[in-house]
């Protein structure tokens, strides 16, 4: 395990990279950007790639031997395989491509197989959600605590839908059940921020099928450090 000084240095890099990438995304939000498809409805824009390149460059300058797993292109195993950066340079790509102002940058760092720190930055609202394991979760400089509500009828929950057709159909079943049992459901298309909103108590819960590591690495830690739980559907 890295010592606290290493984690502090990695946090500084994650924070600065996330904020700089977020500013880049915001500056180009209403520009006509090139959009291509990875699947039938799964988009990637030139800004996904530009933000990813910026973040990777930040990491390589300070930690050239670390491994990196990023959504778009960067998948490298450095000589120090005990440390892995897990990056979503633009979570909410479909929102971004349509000018819908809900998207973020998500950076998590895994040390010895366990997420050790996470930063999620929302440039539209200038909100930085962050955590170093064991130190709590924060929104900018304010400590976070999950909601205390436990009765579903009093809860506002969120979900997201996979790009896989089978998963979409399965989640529609869950959606209808939760819709009848909760105060309401939100579907914003940005899993990392959904998790952070759970940590902040804005949502009382969030579920999604078929998430990728870069979707949840940072946000899941932030939820746990805010007092929440991350489970499978069976409670494990």
Foldseek 3Di string as FASTA:
>chain_A
DDDPVVVVVVVVLQVVLFQVLQVVLVVCLPPQWDWDAPDPPHIDTVSQVVSVVSSVVSCCVPPVQPAEAEDPDGGGHGPPNQKYKYWRSWQQVVCSNVSNQDIWIKIWMHGNRATQKIWIARSVVRWIWIDGPPPAIDTPNHGFAADPDDFQQAFEEEEEEDPDPVQNVVVVVVQVVSCVRHVYYDYRRQQLVRLVCRRRHVGVYYDYPDDDCNRPSNSQSNNVRNPHDDADPVRD
